[in-house]
PDB file of N, CA and C in Angstrom:
ATOM      1  N   GLU A   1     -15.050   5.472  23.681  1.00  0.00           N
ATOM      2  CA  GLU A   1     -15.904   4.581  24.401  1.00  0.00           C
ATOM      3  C   GLU A   1     -15.125   3.327  24.786  1.00  0.00           C
ATOM      4  N   GLN A   2     -15.662   2.160  24.442  1.00  0.00           N
ATOM      5  CA  GLN A   2     -14.987   0.922  24.791  1.00  0.00           C
ATOM      6  C   GLN A   2     -14.475   0.240  23.532  1.00  0.00           C
ATOM      7  N   ALA A   3     -13.205  -0.047  23.524  1.00  0.00           N
ATOM      8  CA  ALA A   3     -12.609  -0.763  22.398  1.00  0.00           C
ATOM      9  C   ALA A   3     -11.404  -1.537  22.909  1.00  0.00           C
ATOM     10  N   THR A   4     -11.152  -2.680  22.293  1.00  0.00           N
ATOM     11  CA  THR A   4      -9.994  -3.494  22.660  1.00  0.00           C
ATOM     12  C   THR A   4      -9.352  -4.043  21.392  1.00  0.00           C
ATOM     13  N   GLY A   5      -8.190  -4.630  21.550  1.00  0.00           N
ATOM     14  CA  GLY A   5      -7.513  -5.303  20.441  1.00  0.00           C
ATOM     15  C   GLY A   5      -7.203  -4.389  19.272  1.00  0.00           C
ATOM     16  N   LEU A   6      -7.412  -4.916  18.064  1.00  0.00           N
ATOM     17  CA  LEU A   6      -7.109  -4.155  16.853  1.00  0.00           C
ATOM     18  C   LEU A   6      -7.960  -2.899  16.728  1.00  0.00           C
ATOM     19  N   GLU A   7      -9.206  -2.971  17.172  1.00  0.00           N
ATOM     20  CA  GLU A   7     -10.076  -1.794  17.096  1.00  0.00           C
ATOM     21  C   GLU A   7      -9.502  -0.652  17.927  1.00  0.00           C
ATOM     22  N   LYS A   8      -9.023  -0.952  19.138  1.00  0.00           N
ATOM     23  CA  LYS A   8      -8.417   0.080  19.990  1.00  0.00           C
ATOM     24  C   LYS A   8      -7.115   0.582  19.372  1.00  0.00           C
ATOM     25  N   ALA A   9      -6.315  -0.335  18.834  1.00  0.00           N
ATOM     26  CA  ALA A   9      -5.055   0.064  18.202  1.00  0.00           C
ATOM     27  C   ALA A   9      -5.315   1.004  17.030  1.00  0.00           C
ATOM     28  N   GLU A  10      -6.333   0.690  16.226  1.00  0.00           N
ATOM     29  CA  GLU A  10      -6.676   1.557  15.101  1.00  0.00           C
ATOM     30  C   GLU A  10      -7.170   2.912  15.604  1.00  0.00           C
ATOM     31  N   TYR A  11      -8.012   2.904  16.609  1.00  0.00           N
ATOM     32  CA  TYR A  11      -8.526   4.156  17.176  1.00  0.00           C
ATOM     33  C   TYR A  11      -7.383   5.014  17.718  1.00  0.00           C
ATOM     34  N   ASP A  12      -6.475   4.403  18.475  1.00  0.00           N
ATOM     35  CA  ASP A  12      -5.335   5.143  19.037  1.00  0.00           C
ATOM     36  C   ASP A  12      -4.464   5.740  17.929  1.00  0.00           C
ATOM     37  N   ALA A  13      -4.253   4.973  16.852  1.00  0.00           N
ATOM     38  CA  ALA A  13      -3.448   5.474  15.735  1.00  0.00           C
ATOM     39  C   ALA A  13      -4.144   6.644  15.047  1.00  0.00           C
ATOM     40  N   LEU A  14      -5.455   6.562  14.881  1.00  0.00           N
ATOM     41  CA  LEU A  14      -6.208   7.662  14.271  1.00  0.00           C
ATOM     42  C   LEU A  14      -6.132   8.915  15.129  1.00  0.00           C
ATOM     43  N   VAL A  15      -6.258   8.746  16.441  1.00  0.00           N
ATOM     44  CA  VAL A  15      -6.161   9.883  17.365  1.00  0.00           C
ATOM     45  C   VAL A  15      -4.765  10.495  17.305  1.00  0.00           C
ATOM     46  N   ALA A  16      -3.743   9.656  17.103  1.00  0.00           N
ATOM     47  CA  ALA A  16      -2.359  10.140  17.034  1.00  0.00           C
ATOM     48  C   ALA A  16      -2.047  10.818  15.698  1.00  0.00           C
ATOM     49  N   GLY A  17      -3.002  10.798  14.758  1.00  0.00           N
ATOM     50  CA  GLY A  17      -2.794  11.509  13.502  1.00  0.00           C
ATOM     51  C   GLY A  17      -2.496  10.643  12.297  1.00  0.00           C
ATOM     52  N   TYR A  18      -2.526   9.330  12.453  1.00  0.00           N
ATOM     53  CA  TYR A  18      -2.304   8.442  11.306  1.00  0.00           C
ATOM     54  C   TYR A  18      -3.643   8.223  10.605  1.00  0.00           C
ATOM     55  N   GLU A  19      -3.790   8.811   9.420  1.00  0.00           N
ATOM     56  CA  GLU A  19      -5.061   8.735   8.695  1.00  0.00           C
ATOM     57  C   GLU A  19      -5.366   7.314   8.212  1.00  0.00           C
ATOM     58  N   ASP A  20      -4.341   6.579   7.850  1.00  0.00           N
ATOM     59  CA  ASP A  20      -4.498   5.215   7.341  1.00  0.00           C
ATOM     60  C   ASP A  20      -3.471   4.320   8.037  1.00  0.00           C
ATOM     61  N   PRO A  21      -3.688   3.988   9.322  1.00  0.00           N
ATOM     62  CA  PRO A  21      -2.650   3.304  10.102  1.00  0.00           C
ATOM     63  C   PRO A  21      -2.214   1.952   9.546  1.00  0.00           C
ATOM     64  N   PHE A  22      -3.085   1.244   8.856  1.00  0.00           N
ATOM     65  CA  PHE A  22      -2.719  -0.061   8.320  1.00  0.00           C
ATOM     66  C   PHE A  22      -2.418  -0.003   6.823  1.00  0.00           C
ATOM     67  N   ARG A  23      -2.364   1.199   6.274  1.00  0.00           N
ATOM     68  CA  ARG A  23      -2.044   1.448   4.855  1.00  0.00           C
ATOM     69  C   ARG A  23      -2.898   0.589   3.918  1.00  0.00           C
ATOM     70  N   LEU A  24      -4.198   0.713   4.088  1.00  0.00           N
ATOM     71  CA  LEU A  24      -5.129  -0.074   3.290  1.00  0.00           C
ATOM     72  C   LEU A  24      -5.833   0.729   2.209  1.00  0.00           C
ATOM     73  N   LYS A  25      -5.733   2.056   2.251  1.00  0.00           N
ATOM     74  CA  LYS A  25      -6.442   2.883   1.279  1.00  0.00           C
ATOM     75  C   LYS A  25      -5.817   2.766  -0.109  1.00  0.00           C
ATOM     76  N   MET A  26      -6.687   2.866  -1.099  1.00  0.00           N
ATOM     77  CA  MET A  26      -6.231   2.806  -2.487  1.00  0.00           C
ATOM     78  C   MET A  26      -5.508   4.097  -2.846  1.00  0.00           C
ATOM     79  N   ALA A  27      -4.383   3.960  -3.496  1.00  0.00           N
ATOM     80  CA  ALA A  27      -3.616   5.134  -3.928  1.00  0.00           C
ATOM     81  C   ALA A  27      -3.983   5.454  -5.371  1.00  0.00           C
ATOM     82  N   ASN A  28      -4.276   6.710  -5.632  1.00  0.00           N
ATOM     83  CA  ASN A  28      -4.573   7.160  -6.992  1.00  0.00           C
ATOM     84  C   ASN A  28      -3.455   8.058  -7.469  1.00  0.00           C
ATOM     85  N   GLY A  29      -3.200   8.025  -8.733  1.00  0.00           N
ATOM     86  CA  GLY A  29      -2.165   8.887  -9.278  1.00  0.00           C
ATOM     87  C   GLY A  29      -1.815   8.469 -10.688  1.00  0.00           C
ATOM     88  N   PRO A  30      -0.831   9.126 -11.255  1.00  0.00           N
ATOM     89  CA  PRO A  30      -0.432   8.771 -12.620  1.00  0.00           C
ATOM     90  C   PRO A  30       0.222   7.390 -12.644  1.00  0.00           C
ATOM     91  N   PRO A  31       0.201   6.736 -13.798  1.00  0.00           N
ATOM     92  CA  PRO A  31       0.849   5.430 -13.907  1.00  0.00           C
ATOM     93  C   PRO A  31       2.346   5.541 -13.626  1.00  0.00           C
ATOM     94  N   GLY A  32       2.896   4.539 -12.977  1.00  0.00           N
ATOM     95  CA  GLY A  32       4.325   4.526 -12.716  1.00  0.00           C
ATOM     96  C   GLY A  32       5.103   4.159 -13.969  1.00  0.00           C
ATOM     97  N   THR A  33       6.287   4.735 -14.095  1.00  0.00           N
ATOM     98  CA  THR A  33       7.169   4.417 -15.217  1.00  0.00           C
ATOM     99  C   THR A  33       8.410   3.727 -14.670  1.00  0.00           C
ATOM    100  N   LYS A  34       9.243   3.219 -15.551  1.00  0.00           N
ATOM    101  CA  LYS A  34      10.462   2.546 -15.099  1.00  0.00           C
ATOM    102  C   LYS A  34      11.364   3.516 -14.342  1.00  0.00           C
ATOM    103  N   ASP A  35      11.435   4.774 -14.816  1.00  0.00           N
ATOM    104  CA  ASP A  35      12.275   5.779 -14.158  1.00  0.00           C
ATOM    105  C   ASP A  35      11.597   6.431 -12.960  1.00  0.00           C
ATOM    106  N   ASN A  36      10.267   6.393 -12.917  1.00  0.00           N
ATOM    107  CA  ASN A  36       9.515   7.013 -11.829  1.00  0.00           C
ATOM    108  C   ASN A  36       8.354   6.090 -11.436  1.00  0.00           C
ATOM    109  N   PRO A  37       8.679   4.955 -10.758  1.00  0.00           N
ATOM    110  CA  PRO A  37       7.640   3.980 -10.427  1.00  0.00           C
ATOM    111  C   PRO A  37       6.715   4.487  -9.319  1.00  0.00           C
ATOM    112  N   THR A  38       5.536   3.896  -9.247  1.00  0.00           N
ATOM    113  CA  THR A  38       4.624   4.165  -8.145  1.00  0.00           C
ATOM    114  C   THR A  38       5.231   3.529  -6.899  1.00  0.00           C
ATOM    115  N   ILE A  39       5.439   4.341  -5.865  1.00  0.00           N
ATOM    116  CA  ILE A  39       6.064   3.856  -4.629  1.00  0.00           C
ATOM    117  C   ILE A  39       5.000   3.241  -3.725  1.00  0.00           C
ATOM    118  N   VAL A  40       5.278   2.040  -3.244  1.00  0.00           N
ATOM    119  CA  VAL A  40       4.374   1.318  -2.356  1.00  0.00           C
ATOM    120  C   VAL A  40       5.096   1.118  -1.027  1.00  0.00           C
ATOM    121  N   PRO A  41       4.645   1.787   0.053  1.00  0.00           N
ATOM    122  CA  PRO A  41       5.310   1.629   1.345  1.00  0.00           C
ATOM    123  C   PRO A  41       4.974   0.281   1.980  1.00  0.00           C
ATOM    124  N   SER A  42       5.947  -0.302   2.655  1.00  0.00           N
ATOM    125  CA  SER A  42       5.714  -1.561   3.352  1.00  0.00           C
ATOM    126  C   SER A  42       6.757  -1.761   4.439  1.00  0.00           C
ATOM    127  N   GLY A  43       6.347  -2.335   5.524  1.00  0.00           N
ATOM    128  CA  GLY A  43       7.260  -2.689   6.600  1.00  0.00           C
ATOM    129  C   GLY A  43       7.810  -4.097   6.430  1.00  0.00           C
ATOM    130  N   TYR A  44       7.504  -4.713   5.296  1.00  0.00           N
ATOM    131  CA  TYR A  44       7.919  -6.087   5.029  1.00  0.00           C
ATOM    132  C   TYR A  44       8.695  -6.155   3.712  1.00  0.00           C
ATOM    133  N   GLU A  45       9.222  -7.321   3.393  1.00  0.00           N
ATOM    134  CA  GLU A  45      10.010  -7.516   2.175  1.00  0.00           C
ATOM    135  C   GLU A  45       9.146  -7.685   0.930  1.00  0.00           C
ATOM    136  N   GLU A  46       7.844  -7.859   1.116  1.00  0.00           N
ATOM    137  CA  GLU A  46       6.945  -8.005  -0.018  1.00  0.00           C
ATOM    138  C   GLU A  46       5.547  -7.544   0.376  1.00  0.00           C
ATOM    139  N   ARG A  47       4.745  -7.223  -0.653  1.00  0.00           N
ATOM    140  CA  ARG A  47       3.381  -6.761  -0.404  1.00  0.00           C
ATOM    141  C   ARG A  47       2.530  -7.080  -1.629  1.00  0.00           C
ATOM    142  N   ILE A  48       1.291  -7.470  -1.403  1.00  0.00           N
ATOM    143  CA  ILE A  48       0.374  -7.721  -2.502  1.00  0.00           C
ATOM    144  C   ILE A  48      -0.175  -6.381  -2.970  1.00  0.00           C
ATOM    145  N   VAL A  49      -0.105  -6.146  -4.287  1.00  0.00           N
ATOM    146  CA  VAL A  49      -0.536  -4.884  -4.882  1.00  0.00           C
ATOM    147  C   VAL A  49      -1.581  -5.183  -5.945  1.00  0.00           C
ATOM    148  N   GLY A  50      -2.634  -4.387  -5.953  1.00  0.00           N
ATOM    149  CA  GLY A  50      -3.661  -4.503  -6.979  1.00  0.00           C
ATOM    150  C   GLY A  50      -3.543  -3.345  -7.948  1.00  0.00           C
ATOM    151  N   CYS A  51      -3.552  -3.633  -9.230  1.00  0.00           N
ATOM    152  CA  CYS A  51      -3.449  -2.596 -10.260  1.00  0.00           C
ATOM    153  C   CYS A  51      -4.748  -2.567 -11.061  1.00  0.00           C
ATOM    154  N   VAL A  52      -5.397  -1.411 -11.095  1.00  0.00           N
ATOM    155  CA  VAL A  52      -6.557  -1.208 -11.961  1.00  0.00           C
ATOM    156  C   VAL A  52      -5.974  -0.646 -13.250  1.00  0.00           C
ATOM    157  N   CYS A  53      -5.768  -1.514 -14.202  1.00  0.00           N
ATOM    158  CA  CYS A  53      -4.966  -1.190 -15.381  1.00  0.00           C
ATOM    159  C   CYS A  53      -5.568  -0.108 -16.276  1.00  0.00           C
ATOM    160  N   GLU A  54      -6.872  -0.022 -16.335  1.00  0.00           N
ATOM    161  CA  GLU A  54      -7.533   1.003 -17.143  1.00  0.00           C
ATOM    162  C   GLU A  54      -8.564   1.708 -16.279  1.00  0.00           C
ATOM    163  N   GLU A  55      -8.824   2.963 -16.583  1.00  0.00           N
ATOM    164  CA  GLU A  55      -9.710   3.785 -15.754  1.00  0.00           C
ATOM    165  C   GLU A  55     -11.088   3.165 -15.556  1.00  0.00           C
ATOM    166  N   ASP A  56     -11.647   2.565 -16.593  1.00  0.00           N
ATOM    167  CA  ASP A  56     -12.987   1.994 -16.487  1.00  0.00           C
ATOM    168  C   ASP A  56     -12.965   0.474 -16.294  1.00  0.00           C
ATOM    169  N   ALA A  57     -11.834  -0.068 -15.891  1.00  0.00           N
ATOM    170  CA  ALA A  57     -11.699  -1.511 -15.698  1.00  0.00           C
ATOM    171  C   ALA A  57     -12.561  -1.982 -14.530  1.00  0.00           C
ATOM    172  N   THR A  58     -13.079  -3.181 -14.645  1.00  0.00           N
ATOM    173  CA  THR A  58     -13.871  -3.771 -13.567  1.00  0.00           C
ATOM    174  C   THR A  58     -13.101  -4.896 -12.881  1.00  0.00           C
ATOM    175  N   MET A  59     -11.883  -5.127 -13.321  1.00  0.00           N
ATOM    176  CA  MET A  59     -11.058  -6.191 -12.755  1.00  0.00           C
ATOM    177  C   MET A  59      -9.778  -5.596 -12.167  1.00  0.00           C
ATOM    178  N   ILE A  60      -9.349  -6.159 -11.071  1.00  0.00           N
ATOM    179  CA  ILE A  60      -8.088  -5.748 -10.451  1.00  0.00           C
ATOM    180  C   ILE A  60      -7.058  -6.827 -10.755  1.00  0.00           C
ATOM    181  N   ARG A  61      -5.894  -6.416 -11.212  1.00  0.00           N
ATOM    182  CA  ARG A  61      -4.810  -7.356 -11.469  1.00  0.00           C
ATOM    183  C   ARG A  61      -3.905  -7.350 -10.238  1.00  0.00           C
ATOM    184  N   TRP A  62      -3.789  -8.481  -9.566  1.00  0.00           N
ATOM    185  CA  TRP A  62      -3.004  -8.591  -8.341  1.00  0.00           C
ATOM    186  C   TRP A  62      -1.605  -9.092  -8.659  1.00  0.00           C
ATOM    187  N   MET A  63      -0.627  -8.579  -7.926  1.00  0.00           N
ATOM    188  CA  MET A  63       0.751  -9.043  -8.100  1.00  0.00           C
ATOM    189  C   MET A  63       1.473  -8.986  -6.755  1.00  0.00           C
ATOM    190  N   LEU A  64       2.459  -9.837  -6.589  1.00  0.00           N
ATOM    191  CA  LEU A  64       3.276  -9.840  -5.383  1.00  0.00           C
ATOM    192  C   LEU A  64       4.485  -8.962  -5.652  1.00  0.00           C
ATOM    193  N   LEU A  65       4.521  -7.818  -4.988  1.00  0.00           N
ATOM    194  CA  LEU A  65       5.612  -6.859  -5.165  1.00  0.00           C
ATOM    195  C   LEU A  65       6.687  -7.165  -4.135  1.00  0.00           C
ATOM    196  N   LYS A  66       7.908  -7.357  -4.600  1.00  0.00           N
ATOM    197  CA  LYS A  66       9.021  -7.689  -3.705  1.00  0.00           C
ATOM    198  C   LYS A  66      10.019  -6.548  -3.653  1.00  0.00           C
ATOM    199  N   ALA A  67      10.770  -6.470  -2.559  1.00  0.00           N
ATOM    200  CA  ALA A  67      11.799  -5.437  -2.406  1.00  0.00           C
ATOM    201  C   ALA A  67      12.831  -5.595  -3.514  1.00  0.00           C
ATOM    202  N   GLY A  68      13.347  -4.469  -3.979  1.00  0.00           N
ATOM    203  CA  GLY A  68      14.349  -4.493  -5.039  1.00  0.00           C
ATOM    204  C   GLY A  68      13.985  -3.529  -6.152  1.00  0.00           C
ATOM    205  N   PRO A  69      14.369  -3.863  -7.377  1.00  0.00           N
ATOM    206  CA  PRO A  69      14.101  -2.956  -8.501  1.00  0.00           C
ATOM    207  C   PRO A  69      12.601  -2.877  -8.793  1.00  0.00           C
ATOM    208  N   PRO A  70      12.183  -1.840  -9.532  1.00  0.00           N
ATOM    209  CA  PRO A  70      10.767  -1.709  -9.883  1.00  0.00           C
ATOM    210  C   PRO A  70      10.266  -2.939 -10.639  1.00  0.00           C
ATOM    211  N   GLN A  71       8.998  -3.278 -10.391  1.00  0.00           N
ATOM    212  CA  GLN A  71       8.371  -4.394 -11.085  1.00  0.00           C
ATOM    213  C   GLN A  71       7.263  -3.849 -11.979  1.00  0.00           C
ATOM    214  N   ARG A  72       7.073  -4.494 -13.126  1.00  0.00           N
ATOM    215  CA  ARG A  72       6.112  -4.039 -14.128  1.00  0.00           C
ATOM    216  C   ARG A  72       4.868  -4.909 -14.114  1.00  0.00           C
ATOM    217  N   CYS A  73       3.709  -4.261 -14.112  1.00  0.00           N
ATOM    218  CA  CYS A  73       2.436  -4.953 -14.280  1.00  0.00           C
ATOM    219  C   CYS A  73       2.293  -5.286 -15.769  1.00  0.00           C
ATOM    220  N   ASP A  74       1.431  -6.221 -16.101  1.00  0.00           N
ATOM    221  CA  ASP A  74       1.210  -6.586 -17.507  1.00  0.00           C
ATOM    222  C   ASP A  74       0.743  -5.404 -18.349  1.00  0.00           C
ATOM    223  N   CYS A  75       0.102  -4.411 -17.710  1.00  0.00           N
ATOM    224  CA  CYS A  75      -0.407  -3.252 -18.454  1.00  0.00           C
ATOM    225  C   CYS A  75       0.674  -2.199 -18.694  1.00  0.00           C
ATOM    226  N   GLY A  76       1.830  -2.339 -18.049  1.00  0.00           N
ATOM    227  CA  GLY A  76       2.921  -1.389 -18.259  1.00  0.00           C
ATOM    228  C   GLY A  76       3.197  -0.474 -17.084  1.00  0.00           C
ATOM    229  N   ASN A  77       2.335  -0.480 -16.055  1.00  0.00           N
ATOM    230  CA  ASN A  77       2.595   0.330 -14.861  1.00  0.00           C
ATOM    231  C   ASN A  77       3.727  -0.294 -14.053  1.00  0.00           C
ATOM    232  N   TYR A  78       4.603   0.565 -13.528  1.00  0.00           N
ATOM    233  CA  TYR A  78       5.713   0.094 -12.701  1.00  0.00           C
ATOM    234  C   TYR A  78       5.456   0.434 -11.240  1.00  0.00           C
ATOM    235  N   PHE A  79       5.818  -0.486 -10.347  1.00  0.00           N
ATOM    236  CA  PHE A  79       5.683  -0.312  -8.911  1.00  0.00           C
ATOM    237  C   PHE A  79       7.008  -0.657  -8.251  1.00  0.00           C
ATOM    238  N   GLN A  80       7.292   0.019  -7.132  1.00  0.00           N
ATOM    239  CA  GLN A  80       8.502  -0.297  -6.377  1.00  0.00           C
ATOM    240  C   GLN A  80       8.183  -0.234  -4.893  1.00  0.00           C
ATOM    241  N   LEU A  81       8.644  -1.242  -4.178  1.00  0.00           N
ATOM    242  CA  LEU A  81       8.446  -1.312  -2.739  1.00  0.00           C
ATOM    243  C   LEU A  81       9.429  -0.393  -2.044  1.00  0.00           C
ATOM    244  N   LYS A  82       8.943   0.393  -1.098  1.00  0.00           N
ATOM    245  CA  LYS A  82       9.801   1.284  -0.320  1.00  0.00           C
ATOM    246  C   LYS A  82       9.675   0.893   1.143  1.00  0.00           C
ATOM    247  N   ASP A  83      10.811   0.745   1.789  1.00  0.00           N
ATOM    248  CA  ASP A  83      10.821   0.389   3.200  1.00  0.00           C
ATOM    249  C   ASP A  83      10.163   1.503   4.002  1.00  0.00           C
ATOM    250  N   ALA A  84       9.191   1.144   4.806  1.00  0.00           N
ATOM    251  CA  ALA A  84       8.487   2.121   5.631  1.00  0.00           C
ATOM    252  C   ALA A  84       8.393   1.580   7.046  1.00  0.00           C
ATOM    253  N   VAL A  85       8.573   2.447   7.999  1.00  0.00           N
ATOM    254  CA  VAL A  85       8.447   2.052   9.397  1.00  0.00           C
ATOM    255  C   VAL A  85       6.970   1.830   9.674  1.00  0.00           C
ATOM    256  N   PRO A  86       6.598   0.634  10.107  1.00  0.00           N
ATOM    257  CA  PRO A  86       5.190   0.396  10.388  1.00  0.00           C
ATOM    258  C   PRO A  86       4.722   1.243  11.569  1.00  0.00           C
ATOM    259  N   VAL A  87       3.448   1.572  11.556  1.00  0.00           N
ATOM    260  CA  VAL A  87       2.869   2.309  12.673  1.00  0.00           C
ATOM    261  C   VAL A  87       2.994   1.435  13.907  1.00  0.00           C
ATOM    262  N   ASP A  88       3.431   2.015  14.998  1.00  0.00           N
ATOM    263  CA  ASP A  88       3.619   1.262  16.238  1.00  0.00           C
ATOM    264  C   ASP A  88       2.255   0.987  16.857  1.00  0.00           C
ATOM    265  N   VAL A  89       1.693  -0.162  16.522  1.00  0.00           N
ATOM    266  CA  VAL A  89       0.384  -0.542  17.026  1.00  0.00           C
ATOM    267  C   VAL A  89       0.580  -1.597  18.098  1.00  0.00           C
ATOM    268  N   LYS A  90       0.166  -1.254  19.292  1.00  0.00           N
ATOM    269  CA  LYS A  90       0.282  -2.198  20.409  1.00  0.00           C
ATOM    270  C   LYS A  90      -1.093  -2.801  20.678  1.00  0.00           C
ATOM    271  N   ILE A  91      -1.128  -4.119  20.712  1.00  0.00           N
ATOM    272  CA  ILE A  91      -2.409  -4.801  20.940  1.00  0.00           C
ATOM    273  C   ILE A  91      -2.423  -5.371  22.339  1.00  0.00           C
TER     274      ILE A  91
END
C-alpha cells in the first residue's frame, strides 16, 4: 500500500527476505561461555545487550558490548560482538 521512510525501508527489507532487518528480536539459546560466547551481530563498534540472567527473571541486565574479546555479564554469561554487514536500508 502506501509507506514512506523507515516503514517503507522495513517493508522492502521484509519483502527481500530479511526476517529481522533491524536485528531487534530477542535471541534465545544456551548461555555463552568464555570459549563459546553468545555472538551478537552489529554493524557498529558497540551495541547495548540485555541479558535475562535466569529463566524466570523479571529484570533485564543491560550492558554495553564493545568489539574485541568476549565480555562477561554479572551472571556469568559471555557475549561477543561480531562484525555484521548492516541491511542496506535506503530511506
